[in-house]
Amino acid sequence: VSSLPGTLVRPMGACRGAILLVCGAGDNRSAFKGPLLGALSARGFAVLSIDPPGHGAFMAVPTTVENTQTAAVAALDWLIEQFPAQPIGAIGVSFGGNQVAWLAAHETRVNAVV
C-alpha cells in the first residue's frame, strides 16, 4: 500500500483543512472530479484523491474490503503527515463512501464525512 497512487491538490490560498477523496468501484482518482477538486481548493481545502486497490493506476493489488480499508488508513496517515495541524475530512463516492464510513467509524482523526 506504500505505492498507493494519489493526486494532491493544494488550496489556492491558506489551507483550512485537508480532505481524502475515495472513488467508487470501477472508477479512478481523476474521472469527473476536476470541478469538485477545483471548488474545494478555491475554498481553502487540500484534497488527496486516491486510486484504491484494483482501481486506476493501482490494479496490481486486488480490490478486497481489507485491502481498501488498509489503503484508506494509509492515505489518511499520509494526509495527516502533510497537514498535521489541519482538520481532516473524507469524501467517498459509492463504494468509496463505504470505505469513508468505515474509516470514520474506526479513526477518530477524521473530523467530517461526506
PDB file of N, CA and C in Angstrom:
ATOM      1  N   VAL A   1       0.829  -1.194   0.000  1.00  0.00           N
ATOM      2  CA  VAL A   1       0.000   0.000   0.000  1.00  0.00           C
ATOM      3  C   VAL A   1       0.875   1.260   0.000  1.00  0.00           C
ATOM      4  N   SER A   2       2.162   1.089   0.235  1.00  0.00           N
ATOM      5  CA  SER A   2       3.048   2.256   0.239  1.00  0.00           C
ATOM      6  C   SER A   2       3.106   2.925  -1.122  1.00  0.00           C
ATOM      7  N   SER A   3       2.702   2.219  -2.157  1.00  0.00           N
ATOM      8  CA  SER A   3       2.709   2.799  -3.500  1.00  0.00           C
ATOM      9  C   SER A   3       1.310   3.227  -3.942  1.00  0.00           C
ATOM     10  N   LEU A   4       0.465   3.534  -3.005  1.00  0.00           N
ATOM     11  CA  LEU A   4      -0.910   3.945  -3.304  1.00  0.00           C
ATOM     12  C   LEU A   4      -0.904   5.186  -4.194  1.00  0.00           C
ATOM     13  N   PRO A   5      -1.458   5.094  -5.410  1.00  0.00           N
ATOM     14  CA  PRO A   5      -1.487   6.257  -6.299  1.00  0.00           C
ATOM     15  C   PRO A   5      -2.487   7.304  -5.813  1.00  0.00           C
ATOM     16  N   GLY A   6      -2.040   8.531  -5.823  1.00  0.00           N
ATOM     17  CA  GLY A   6      -2.916   9.618  -5.417  1.00  0.00           C
ATOM     18  C   GLY A   6      -2.503  10.919  -6.067  1.00  0.00           C
ATOM     19  N   THR A   7      -3.430  11.840  -6.081  1.00  0.00           N
ATOM     20  CA  THR A   7      -3.178  13.185  -6.590  1.00  0.00           C
ATOM     21  C   THR A   7      -3.555  14.168  -5.492  1.00  0.00           C
ATOM     22  N   LEU A   8      -2.604  15.006  -5.108  1.00  0.00           N
ATOM     23  CA  LEU A   8      -2.854  16.026  -4.091  1.00  0.00           C
ATOM     24  C   LEU A   8      -3.053  17.368  -4.780  1.00  0.00           C
ATOM     25  N   VAL A   9      -4.172  17.993  -4.490  1.00  0.00           N
ATOM     26  CA  VAL A   9      -4.450  19.348  -4.975  1.00  0.00           C
ATOM     27  C   VAL A   9      -4.412  20.255  -3.754  1.00  0.00           C
ATOM     28  N   ARG A  10      -3.503  21.198  -3.784  1.00  0.00           N
ATOM     29  CA  ARG A  10      -3.359  22.131  -2.658  1.00  0.00           C
ATOM     30  C   ARG A  10      -4.295  23.324  -2.854  1.00  0.00           C
ATOM     31  N   PRO A  11      -4.706  23.940  -1.754  1.00  0.00           N
ATOM     32  CA  PRO A  11      -5.607  25.092  -1.884  1.00  0.00           C
ATOM     33  C   PRO A  11      -4.913  26.278  -2.541  1.00  0.00           C
ATOM     34  N   MET A  12      -5.722  27.135  -3.141  1.00  0.00           N
ATOM     35  CA  MET A  12      -5.187  28.316  -3.816  1.00  0.00           C
ATOM     36  C   MET A  12      -4.641  29.339  -2.830  1.00  0.00           C
ATOM     37  N   GLY A  13      -5.153  29.344  -1.622  1.00  0.00           N
ATOM     38  CA  GLY A  13      -4.702  30.287  -0.595  1.00  0.00           C
ATOM     39  C   GLY A  13      -4.353  29.527   0.665  1.00  0.00           C
ATOM     40  N   ALA A  14      -4.700  30.118   1.807  1.00  0.00           N
ATOM     41  CA  ALA A  14      -4.441  29.480   3.096  1.00  0.00           C
ATOM     42  C   ALA A  14      -5.232  28.181   3.213  1.00  0.00           C
ATOM     43  N   CYS A  15      -4.632  27.195   3.842  1.00  0.00           N
ATOM     44  CA  CYS A  15      -5.270  25.880   3.991  1.00  0.00           C
ATOM     45  C   CYS A  15      -6.175  25.873   5.222  1.00  0.00           C
ATOM     46  N   ARG A  16      -7.454  25.514   5.012  1.00  0.00           N
ATOM     47  CA  ARG A  16      -8.434  25.431   6.100  1.00  0.00           C
ATOM     48  C   ARG A  16      -8.621  24.008   6.590  1.00  0.00           C
ATOM     49  N   GLY A  17      -8.103  23.038   5.834  1.00  0.00           N
ATOM     50  CA  GLY A  17      -8.270  21.637   6.182  1.00  0.00           C
ATOM     51  C   GLY A  17      -7.875  20.771   5.003  1.00  0.00           C
ATOM     52  N   ALA A  18      -7.848  19.467   5.226  1.00  0.00           N
ATOM     53  CA  ALA A  18      -7.485  18.520   4.178  1.00  0.00           C
ATOM     54  C   ALA A  18      -8.573  17.460   4.054  1.00  0.00           C
ATOM     55  N   ILE A  19      -8.759  16.985   2.838  1.00  0.00           N
ATOM     56  CA  ILE A  19      -9.834  16.034   2.557  1.00  0.00           C
ATOM     57  C   ILE A  19      -9.277  14.847   1.786  1.00  0.00           C
ATOM     58  N   LEU A  20      -9.671  13.651   2.207  1.00  0.00           N
ATOM     59  CA  LEU A  20      -9.376  12.426   1.476  1.00  0.00           C
ATOM     60  C   LEU A  20     -10.583  12.120   0.595  1.00  0.00           C
ATOM     61  N   LEU A  21     -10.357  11.940  -0.705  1.00  0.00           N
ATOM     62  CA  LEU A  21     -11.425  11.637  -1.660  1.00  0.00           C
ATOM     63  C   LEU A  21     -11.222  10.227  -2.184  1.00  0.00           C
ATOM     64  N   VAL A  22     -12.207   9.351  -1.956  1.00  0.00           N
ATOM     65  CA  VAL A  22     -12.124   7.946  -2.364  1.00  0.00           C
ATOM     66  C   VAL A  22     -13.201   7.680  -3.409  1.00  0.00           C
ATOM     67  N   CYS A  23     -12.765   7.194  -4.568  1.00  0.00           N
ATOM     68  CA  CYS A  23     -13.689   6.950  -5.678  1.00  0.00           C
ATOM     69  C   CYS A  23     -14.524   5.694  -5.457  1.00  0.00           C
ATOM     70  N   GLY A  24     -15.525   5.542  -6.301  1.00  0.00           N
ATOM     71  CA  GLY A  24     -16.387   4.376  -6.267  1.00  0.00           C
ATOM     72  C   GLY A  24     -15.782   3.201  -7.018  1.00  0.00           C
ATOM     73  N   ALA A  25     -16.412   2.037  -6.891  1.00  0.00           N
ATOM     74  CA  ALA A  25     -15.949   0.826  -7.563  1.00  0.00           C
ATOM     75  C   ALA A  25     -15.932   1.042  -9.067  1.00  0.00           C
ATOM     76  N   GLY A  26     -14.832   0.641  -9.693  1.00  0.00           N
ATOM     77  CA  GLY A  26     -14.681   0.761 -11.131  1.00  0.00           C
ATOM     78  C   GLY A  26     -14.263   2.145 -11.596  1.00  0.00           C
ATOM     79  N   ASP A  27     -14.101   3.082 -10.693  1.00  0.00           N
ATOM     80  CA  ASP A  27     -13.743   4.465 -11.020  1.00  0.00           C
ATOM     81  C   ASP A  27     -12.241   4.653 -10.780  1.00  0.00           C
ATOM     82  N   ASN A  28     -11.782   5.879 -10.881  1.00  0.00           N
ATOM     83  CA  ASN A  28     -10.397   6.190 -10.569  1.00  0.00           C
ATOM     84  C   ASN A  28     -10.312   7.574  -9.948  1.00  0.00           C
ATOM     85  N   ARG A  29      -9.108   7.963  -9.547  1.00  0.00           N
ATOM     86  CA  ARG A  29      -8.935   9.201  -8.780  1.00  0.00           C
ATOM     87  C   ARG A  29      -9.188  10.468  -9.570  1.00  0.00           C
ATOM     88  N   SER A  30      -9.233  10.397 -10.890  1.00  0.00           N
ATOM     89  CA  SER A  30      -9.367  11.634 -11.661  1.00  0.00           C
ATOM     90  C   SER A  30     -10.663  11.763 -12.453  1.00  0.00           C
ATOM     91  N   ALA A  31     -11.361  10.680 -12.690  1.00  0.00           N
ATOM     92  CA  ALA A  31     -12.573  10.742 -13.508  1.00  0.00           C
ATOM     93  C   ALA A  31     -13.607  11.681 -12.882  1.00  0.00           C
ATOM     94  N   PHE A  32     -14.063  12.644 -13.613  1.00  0.00           N
ATOM     95  CA  PHE A  32     -15.116  13.613 -13.292  1.00  0.00           C
ATOM     96  C   PHE A  32     -14.859  14.466 -12.058  1.00  0.00           C
ATOM     97  N   LYS A  33     -13.724  14.355 -11.435  1.00  0.00           N
ATOM     98  CA  LYS A  33     -13.519  15.024 -10.152  1.00  0.00           C
ATOM     99  C   LYS A  33     -12.908  16.417 -10.261  1.00  0.00           C
ATOM    100  N   GLY A  34     -12.500  16.851 -11.443  1.00  0.00           N
ATOM    101  CA  GLY A  34     -11.875  18.160 -11.616  1.00  0.00           C
ATOM    102  C   GLY A  34     -12.674  19.305 -11.025  1.00  0.00           C
ATOM    103  N   PRO A  35     -13.971  19.425 -11.343  1.00  0.00           N
ATOM    104  CA  PRO A  35     -14.752  20.526 -10.767  1.00  0.00           C
ATOM    105  C   PRO A  35     -14.837  20.464  -9.237  1.00  0.00           C
ATOM    106  N   LEU A  36     -14.946  19.269  -8.684  1.00  0.00           N
ATOM    107  CA  LEU A  36     -15.005  19.116  -7.229  1.00  0.00           C
ATOM    108  C   LEU A  36     -13.674  19.529  -6.596  1.00  0.00           C
ATOM    109  N   LEU A  37     -12.573  19.060  -7.171  1.00  0.00           N
ATOM    110  CA  LEU A  37     -11.257  19.418  -6.639  1.00  0.00           C
ATOM    111  C   LEU A  37     -11.033  20.928  -6.720  1.00  0.00           C
ATOM    112  N   GLY A  38     -11.423  21.521  -7.846  1.00  0.00           N
ATOM    113  CA  GLY A  38     -11.268  22.964  -8.005  1.00  0.00           C
ATOM    114  C   GLY A  38     -12.098  23.751  -7.006  1.00  0.00           C
ATOM    115  N   ALA A  39     -13.338  23.333  -6.788  1.00  0.00           N
ATOM    116  CA  ALA A  39     -14.226  24.036  -5.851  1.00  0.00           C
ATOM    117  C   ALA A  39     -13.706  23.924  -4.417  1.00  0.00           C
ATOM    118  N   LEU A  40     -13.238  22.748  -4.031  1.00  0.00           N
ATOM    119  CA  LEU A  40     -12.708  22.571  -2.674  1.00  0.00           C
ATOM    120  C   LEU A  40     -11.413  23.363  -2.487  1.00  0.00           C
ATOM    121  N   SER A  41     -10.558  23.338  -3.493  1.00  0.00           N
ATOM    122  CA  SER A  41      -9.308  24.103  -3.430  1.00  0.00           C
ATOM    123  C   SER A  41      -9.584  25.592  -3.320  1.00  0.00           C
ATOM    124  N   ALA A  42     -10.534  26.082  -4.085  1.00  0.00           N
ATOM    125  CA  ALA A  42     -10.877  27.508  -4.049  1.00  0.00           C
ATOM    126  C   ALA A  42     -11.410  27.924  -2.683  1.00  0.00           C
ATOM    127  N   ARG A  43     -11.946  26.970  -1.929  1.00  0.00           N
ATOM    128  CA  ARG A  43     -12.487  27.263  -0.594  1.00  0.00           C
ATOM    129  C   ARG A  43     -11.468  26.986   0.512  1.00  0.00           C
ATOM    130  N   GLY A  44     -10.223  26.688   0.122  1.00  0.00           N
ATOM    131  CA  GLY A  44      -9.160  26.553   1.109  1.00  0.00           C
ATOM    132  C   GLY A  44      -8.853  25.140   1.570  1.00  0.00           C
ATOM    133  N   PHE A  45      -9.312  24.143   0.834  1.00  0.00           N
ATOM    134  CA  PHE A  45      -9.070  22.762   1.254  1.00  0.00           C
ATOM    135  C   PHE A  45      -8.057  22.076   0.351  1.00  0.00           C
ATOM    136  N   ALA A  46      -7.137  21.352   0.970  1.00  0.00           N
ATOM    137  CA  ALA A  46      -6.257  20.450   0.236  1.00  0.00           C
ATOM    138  C   ALA A  46      -7.028  19.146   0.047  1.00  0.00           C
ATOM    139  N   VAL A  47      -6.908  18.535  -1.130  1.00  0.00           N
ATOM    140  CA  VAL A  47      -7.639  17.299  -1.406  1.00  0.00           C
ATOM    141  C   VAL A  47      -6.687  16.244  -1.949  1.00  0.00           C
ATOM    142  N   LEU A  48      -6.700  15.077  -1.324  1.00  0.00           N
ATOM    143  CA  LEU A  48      -5.963  13.922  -1.807  1.00  0.00           C
ATOM    144  C   LEU A  48      -6.975  12.953  -2.401  1.00  0.00           C
ATOM    145  N   SER A  49      -6.923  12.775  -3.713  1.00  0.00           N
ATOM    146  CA  SER A  49      -7.795  11.832  -4.409  1.00  0.00           C
ATOM    147  C   SER A  49      -6.972  10.584  -4.704  1.00  0.00           C
ATOM    148  N   ILE A  50      -7.458   9.410  -4.292  1.00  0.00           N
ATOM    149  CA  ILE A  50      -6.678   8.177  -4.422  1.00  0.00           C
ATOM    150  C   ILE A  50      -7.337   7.177  -5.362  1.00  0.00           C
ATOM    151  N   ASP A  51      -6.503   6.285  -5.896  1.00  0.00           N
ATOM    152  CA  ASP A  51      -6.967   5.080  -6.584  1.00  0.00           C
ATOM    153  C   ASP A  51      -6.878   3.954  -5.560  1.00  0.00           C
ATOM    154  N   PRO A  52      -8.003   3.448  -5.066  1.00  0.00           N
ATOM    155  CA  PRO A  52      -7.944   2.320  -4.135  1.00  0.00           C
ATOM    156  C   PRO A  52      -7.450   1.060  -4.849  1.00  0.00           C
ATOM    157  N   PRO A  53      -7.085   0.027  -4.127  1.00  0.00           N
ATOM    158  CA  PRO A  53      -6.648  -1.216  -4.753  1.00  0.00           C
ATOM    159  C   PRO A  53      -7.658  -1.699  -5.807  1.00  0.00           C
ATOM    160  N   GLY A  54      -7.102  -2.108  -6.960  1.00  0.00           N
ATOM    161  CA  GLY A  54      -7.935  -2.613  -8.049  1.00  0.00           C
ATOM    162  C   GLY A  54      -8.542  -1.527  -8.914  1.00  0.00           C
ATOM    163  N   HIS A  55      -8.107  -0.290  -8.753  1.00  0.00           N
ATOM    164  CA  HIS A  55      -8.674   0.839  -9.495  1.00  0.00           C
ATOM    165  C   HIS A  55      -7.573   1.701 -10.103  1.00  0.00           C
ATOM    166  N   GLY A  56      -7.870   2.302 -11.239  1.00  0.00           N
ATOM    167  CA  GLY A  56      -6.963   3.249 -11.876  1.00  0.00           C
ATOM    168  C   GLY A  56      -5.549   2.718 -12.012  1.00  0.00           C
ATOM    169  N   ALA A  57      -4.598   3.419 -11.427  1.00  0.00           N
ATOM    170  CA  ALA A  57      -3.190   3.049 -11.513  1.00  0.00           C
ATOM    171  C   ALA A  57      -2.766   2.060 -10.420  1.00  0.00           C
ATOM    172  N   PHE A  58      -3.719   1.495  -9.703  1.00  0.00           N
ATOM    173  CA  PHE A  58      -3.413   0.576  -8.602  1.00  0.00           C
ATOM    174  C   PHE A  58      -4.028  -0.800  -8.856  1.00  0.00           C
ATOM    175  N   MET A  59      -3.913  -1.269 -10.091  1.00  0.00           N
ATOM    176  CA  MET A  59      -4.510  -2.540 -10.483  1.00  0.00           C
ATOM    177  C   MET A  59      -3.714  -3.753  -9.995  1.00  0.00           C
ATOM    178  N   ALA A  60      -2.466  -3.571  -9.564  1.00  0.00           N
ATOM    179  CA  ALA A  60      -1.623  -4.689  -9.138  1.00  0.00           C
ATOM    180  C   ALA A  60      -2.104  -5.327  -7.837  1.00  0.00           C
ATOM    181  N   VAL A  61      -2.896  -4.593  -7.066  1.00  0.00           N
ATOM    182  CA  VAL A  61      -3.419  -5.105  -5.805  1.00  0.00           C
ATOM    183  C   VAL A  61      -4.925  -5.307  -5.980  1.00  0.00           C
ATOM    184  N   PRO A  62      -5.446  -6.481  -5.648  1.00  0.00           N
ATOM    185  CA  PRO A  62      -6.877  -6.738  -5.871  1.00  0.00           C
ATOM    186  C   PRO A  62      -7.784  -5.924  -4.942  1.00  0.00           C
ATOM    187  N   THR A  63      -8.977  -5.672  -5.429  1.00  0.00           N
ATOM    188  CA  THR A  63      -9.986  -4.992  -4.622  1.00  0.00           C
ATOM    189  C   THR A  63     -10.581  -5.992  -3.647  1.00  0.00           C
ATOM    190  N   THR A  64     -10.279  -5.810  -2.381  1.00  0.00           N
ATOM    191  CA  THR A  64     -10.945  -6.555  -1.319  1.00  0.00           C
ATOM    192  C   THR A  64     -11.287  -5.530  -0.246  1.00  0.00           C
ATOM    193  N   VAL A  65     -12.206  -5.867   0.596  1.00  0.00           N
ATOM    194  CA  VAL A  65     -12.567  -4.945   1.673  1.00  0.00           C
ATOM    195  C   VAL A  65     -11.340  -4.657   2.531  1.00  0.00           C
ATOM    196  N   GLU A  66     -10.588  -5.692   2.893  1.00  0.00           N
ATOM    197  CA  GLU A  66      -9.397  -5.498   3.723  1.00  0.00           C
ATOM    198  C   GLU A  66      -8.368  -4.614   3.025  1.00  0.00           C
ATOM    199  N   ASN A  67      -8.113  -4.851   1.738  1.00  0.00           N
ATOM    200  CA  ASN A  67      -7.134  -4.041   1.007  1.00  0.00           C
ATOM    201  C   ASN A  67      -7.570  -2.581   0.917  1.00  0.00           C
ATOM    202  N   THR A  68      -8.848  -2.345   0.670  1.00  0.00           N
ATOM    203  CA  THR A  68      -9.300  -0.961   0.543  1.00  0.00           C
ATOM    204  C   THR A  68      -9.299  -0.253   1.896  1.00  0.00           C
ATOM    205  N   GLN A  69      -9.593  -0.978   2.964  1.00  0.00           N
ATOM    206  CA  GLN A  69      -9.527  -0.374   4.293  1.00  0.00           C
ATOM    207  C   GLN A  69      -8.086  -0.031   4.658  1.00  0.00           C
ATOM    208  N   THR A  70      -7.170  -0.925   4.366  1.00  0.00           N
ATOM    209  CA  THR A  70      -5.750  -0.664   4.624  1.00  0.00           C
ATOM    210  C   THR A  70      -5.277   0.540   3.829  1.00  0.00           C
ATOM    211  N   ALA A  71      -5.693   0.635   2.579  1.00  0.00           N
ATOM    212  CA  ALA A  71      -5.307   1.764   1.724  1.00  0.00           C
ATOM    213  C   ALA A  71      -5.886   3.069   2.255  1.00  0.00           C
ATOM    214  N   ALA A  72      -7.120   3.040   2.728  1.00  0.00           N
ATOM    215  CA  ALA A  72      -7.746   4.256   3.261  1.00  0.00           C
ATOM    216  C   ALA A  72      -6.994   4.747   4.500  1.00  0.00           C
ATOM    217  N   VAL A  73      -6.585   3.849   5.377  1.00  0.00           N
ATOM    218  CA  VAL A  73      -5.829   4.240   6.564  1.00  0.00           C
ATOM    219  C   VAL A  73      -4.463   4.794   6.154  1.00  0.00           C
ATOM    220  N   ALA A  74      -3.811   4.151   5.189  1.00  0.00           N
ATOM    221  CA  ALA A  74      -2.512   4.629   4.716  1.00  0.00           C
ATOM    222  C   ALA A  74      -2.634   6.023   4.111  1.00  0.00           C
ATOM    223  N   ALA A  75      -3.683   6.260   3.335  1.00  0.00           N
ATOM    224  CA  ALA A  75      -3.898   7.585   2.741  1.00  0.00           C
ATOM    225  C   ALA A  75      -4.175   8.620   3.825  1.00  0.00           C
ATOM    226  N   LEU A  76      -4.961   8.242   4.822  1.00  0.00           N
ATOM    227  CA  LEU A  76      -5.237   9.151   5.942  1.00  0.00           C
ATOM    228  C   LEU A  76      -3.941   9.485   6.689  1.00  0.00           C
ATOM    229  N   ASP A  77      -3.125   8.473   6.959  1.00  0.00           N
ATOM    230  CA  ASP A  77      -1.847   8.696   7.640  1.00  0.00           C
ATOM    231  C   ASP A  77      -0.993   9.701   6.863  1.00  0.00           C
ATOM    232  N   TRP A  78      -0.893   9.501   5.548  1.00  0.00           N
ATOM    233  CA  TRP A  78      -0.079  10.381   4.714  1.00  0.00           C
ATOM    234  C   TRP A  78      -0.627  11.803   4.720  1.00  0.00           C
ATOM    235  N   LEU A  79      -1.937  11.925   4.606  1.00  0.00           N
ATOM    236  CA  LEU A  79      -2.564  13.245   4.576  1.00  0.00           C
ATOM    237  C   LEU A  79      -2.322  13.986   5.893  1.00  0.00           C
ATOM    238  N   ILE A  80      -2.409  13.293   6.999  1.00  0.00           N
ATOM    239  CA  ILE A  80      -2.173  13.908   8.309  1.00  0.00           C
ATOM    240  C   ILE A  80      -0.701  14.316   8.453  1.00  0.00           C
ATOM    241  N   GLU A  81       0.215  13.521   7.898  1.00  0.00           N
ATOM    242  CA  GLU A  81       1.632  13.903   7.921  1.00  0.00           C
ATOM    243  C   GLU A  81       1.860  15.205   7.159  1.00  0.00           C
ATOM    244  N   GLN A  82       1.142  15.388   6.050  1.00  0.00           N
ATOM    245  CA  GLN A  82       1.307  16.585   5.235  1.00  0.00           C
ATOM    246  C   GLN A  82       0.644  17.813   5.863  1.00  0.00           C
ATOM    247  N   PHE A  83      -0.453  17.611   6.573  1.00  0.00           N
ATOM    248  CA  PHE A  83      -1.249  18.705   7.143  1.00  0.00           C
ATOM    249  C   PHE A  83      -1.551  18.421   8.614  1.00  0.00           C
ATOM    250  N   PRO A  84      -0.522  18.345   9.467  1.00  0.00           N
ATOM    251  CA  PRO A  84      -0.713  17.894  10.852  1.00  0.00           C
ATOM    252  C   PRO A  84      -1.574  18.804  11.713  1.00  0.00           C
ATOM    253  N   ALA A  85      -1.651  20.065  11.406  1.00  0.00           N
ATOM    254  CA  ALA A  85      -2.407  20.996  12.248  1.00  0.00           C
ATOM    255  C   ALA A  85      -3.803  21.291  11.699  1.00  0.00           C
ATOM    256  N   GLN A  86      -4.197  20.603  10.636  1.00  0.00           N
ATOM    257  CA  GLN A  86      -5.473  20.887   9.979  1.00  0.00           C
ATOM    258  C   GLN A  86      -6.526  19.826  10.300  1.00  0.00           C
ATOM    259  N   PRO A  87      -7.793  20.218  10.321  1.00  0.00           N
ATOM    260  CA  PRO A  87      -8.848  19.204  10.420  1.00  0.00           C
ATOM    261  C   PRO A  87      -8.861  18.369   9.140  1.00  0.00           C
ATOM    262  N   ILE A  88      -9.246  17.115   9.285  1.00  0.00           N
ATOM    263  CA  ILE A  88      -9.246  16.177   8.164  1.00  0.00           C
ATOM    264  C   ILE A  88     -10.666  15.687   7.916  1.00  0.00           C
ATOM    265  N   GLY A  89     -11.082  15.771   6.669  1.00  0.00           N
ATOM    266  CA  GLY A  89     -12.381  15.243   6.259  1.00  0.00           C
ATOM    267  C   GLY A  89     -12.188  14.147   5.232  1.00  0.00           C
ATOM    268  N   ALA A  90     -13.258  13.452   4.906  1.00  0.00           N
ATOM    269  CA  ALA A  90     -13.210  12.396   3.895  1.00  0.00           C
ATOM    270  C   ALA A  90     -14.500  12.414   3.093  1.00  0.00           C
ATOM    271  N   ILE A  91     -14.355  12.257   1.787  1.00  0.00           N
ATOM    272  CA  ILE A  91     -15.494  12.183   0.875  1.00  0.00           C
ATOM    273  C   ILE A  91     -15.391  10.860   0.135  1.00  0.00           C
ATOM    274  N   GLY A  92     -16.470  10.114   0.094  1.00  0.00           N
ATOM    275  CA  GLY A  92     -16.490   8.854  -0.634  1.00  0.00           C
ATOM    276  C   GLY A  92     -17.649   8.811  -1.610  1.00  0.00           C
ATOM    277  N   VAL A  93     -17.372   8.274  -2.785  1.00  0.00           N
ATOM    278  CA  VAL A  93     -18.384   8.121  -3.824  1.00  0.00           C
ATOM    279  C   VAL A  93     -18.716   6.634  -3.934  1.00  0.00           C
ATOM    280  N   SER A  94     -19.986   6.271  -3.739  1.00  0.00           N
ATOM    281  CA  SER A  94     -20.458   4.900  -3.873  1.00  0.00           C
ATOM    282  C   SER A  94     -19.638   3.962  -2.972  1.00  0.00           C
ATOM    283  N   PHE A  95     -18.900   2.988  -3.545  1.00  0.00           N
ATOM    284  CA  PHE A  95     -18.091   2.082  -2.733  1.00  0.00           C
ATOM    285  C   PHE A  95     -17.063   2.860  -1.914  1.00  0.00           C
ATOM    286  N   GLY A  96     -16.594   3.978  -2.437  1.00  0.00           N
ATOM    287  CA  GLY A  96     -15.703   4.850  -1.675  1.00  0.00           C
ATOM    288  C   GLY A  96     -16.400   5.389  -0.442  1.00  0.00           C
ATOM    289  N   GLY A  97     -17.706   5.627  -0.538  1.00  0.00           N
ATOM    290  CA  GLY A  97     -18.490   6.057   0.621  1.00  0.00           C
ATOM    291  C   GLY A  97     -18.492   5.003   1.707  1.00  0.00           C
ATOM    292  N   ASN A  98     -18.558   3.748   1.287  1.00  0.00           N
ATOM    293  CA  ASN A  98     -18.469   2.641   2.239  1.00  0.00           C
ATOM    294  C   ASN A  98     -17.131   2.678   2.968  1.00  0.00           C
ATOM    295  N   GLN A  99     -16.061   2.919   2.220  1.00  0.00           N
ATOM    296  CA  GLN A  99     -14.729   2.960   2.817  1.00  0.00           C
ATOM    297  C   GLN A  99     -14.574   4.157   3.747  1.00  0.00           C
ATOM    298  N   VAL A 100     -15.118   5.295   3.343  1.00  0.00           N
ATOM    299  CA  VAL A 100     -15.042   6.503   4.164  1.00  0.00           C
ATOM    300  C   VAL A 100     -15.861   6.336   5.449  1.00  0.00           C
ATOM    301  N   ALA A 101     -17.030   5.725   5.344  1.00  0.00           N
ATOM    302  CA  ALA A 101     -17.841   5.479   6.545  1.00  0.00           C
ATOM    303  C   ALA A 101     -17.104   4.547   7.500  1.00  0.00           C
ATOM    304  N   TRP A 102     -16.483   3.496   6.949  1.00  0.00           N
ATOM    305  CA  TRP A 102     -15.694   2.584   7.790  1.00  0.00           C
ATOM    306  C   TRP A 102     -14.538   3.340   8.444  1.00  0.00           C
ATOM    307  N   LEU A 103     -13.846   4.171   7.659  1.00  0.00           N
ATOM    308  CA  LEU A 103     -12.717   4.927   8.174  1.00  0.00           C
ATOM    309  C   LEU A 103     -13.148   5.834   9.323  1.00  0.00           C
ATOM    310  N   ALA A 104     -14.252   6.539   9.142  1.00  0.00           N
ATOM    311  CA  ALA A 104     -14.745   7.449  10.183  1.00  0.00           C
ATOM    312  C   ALA A 104     -15.150   6.690  11.450  1.00  0.00           C
ATOM    313  N   ALA A 105     -15.666   5.473  11.288  1.00  0.00           N
ATOM    314  CA  ALA A 105     -16.069   4.674  12.445  1.00  0.00           C
ATOM    315  C   ALA A 105     -14.873   4.135  13.231  1.00  0.00           C
ATOM    316  N   HIS A 106     -13.723   4.018  12.553  1.00  0.00           N
ATOM    317  CA  HIS A 106     -12.551   3.421  13.196  1.00  0.00           C
ATOM    318  C   HIS A 106     -11.404   4.398  13.446  1.00  0.00           C
ATOM    319  N   GLU A 107     -11.529   5.606  12.968  1.00  0.00           N
ATOM    320  CA  GLU A 107     -10.454   6.590  13.080  1.00  0.00           C
ATOM    321  C   GLU A 107     -10.989   7.899  13.657  1.00  0.00           C
ATOM    322  N   THR A 108     -10.594   8.219  14.856  1.00  0.00           N
ATOM    323  CA  THR A 108     -11.038   9.465  15.464  1.00  0.00           C
ATOM    324  C   THR A 108     -10.373  10.682  14.819  1.00  0.00           C
ATOM    325  N   ARG A 109      -9.375  10.431  13.973  1.00  0.00           N
ATOM    326  CA  ARG A 109      -8.688  11.549  13.303  1.00  0.00           C
ATOM    327  C   ARG A 109      -9.497  12.130  12.145  1.00  0.00           C
ATOM    328  N   VAL A 110     -10.576  11.493  11.765  1.00  0.00           N
ATOM    329  CA  VAL A 110     -11.445  12.011  10.702  1.00  0.00           C
ATOM    330  C   VAL A 110     -12.492  12.906  11.352  1.00  0.00           C
ATOM    331  N   ASN A 111     -12.500  14.191  10.957  1.00  0.00           N
ATOM    332  CA  ASN A 111     -13.387  15.169  11.583  1.00  0.00           C
ATOM    333  C   ASN A 111     -14.713  15.359  10.889  1.00  0.00           C
ATOM    334  N   ALA A 112     -14.823  14.990   9.607  1.00  0.00           N
ATOM    335  CA  ALA A 112     -16.059  15.177   8.847  1.00  0.00           C
ATOM    336  C   ALA A 112     -16.106  14.169   7.716  1.00  0.00           C
ATOM    337  N   VAL A 113     -17.307  13.747   7.362  1.00  0.00           N
ATOM    338  CA  VAL A 113     -17.505  12.736   6.316  1.00  0.00           C
ATOM    339  C   VAL A 113     -18.647  13.168   5.391  1.00  0.00           C
ATOM    340  N   VAL A 114     -18.422  12.968   4.096  1.00  0.00           N
ATOM    341  CA  VAL A 114     -19.481  13.194   3.094  1.00  0.00           C
ATOM    342  C   VAL A 114     -19.590  11.951   2.261  1.00  0.00           C
TER     343      VAL A 114
END
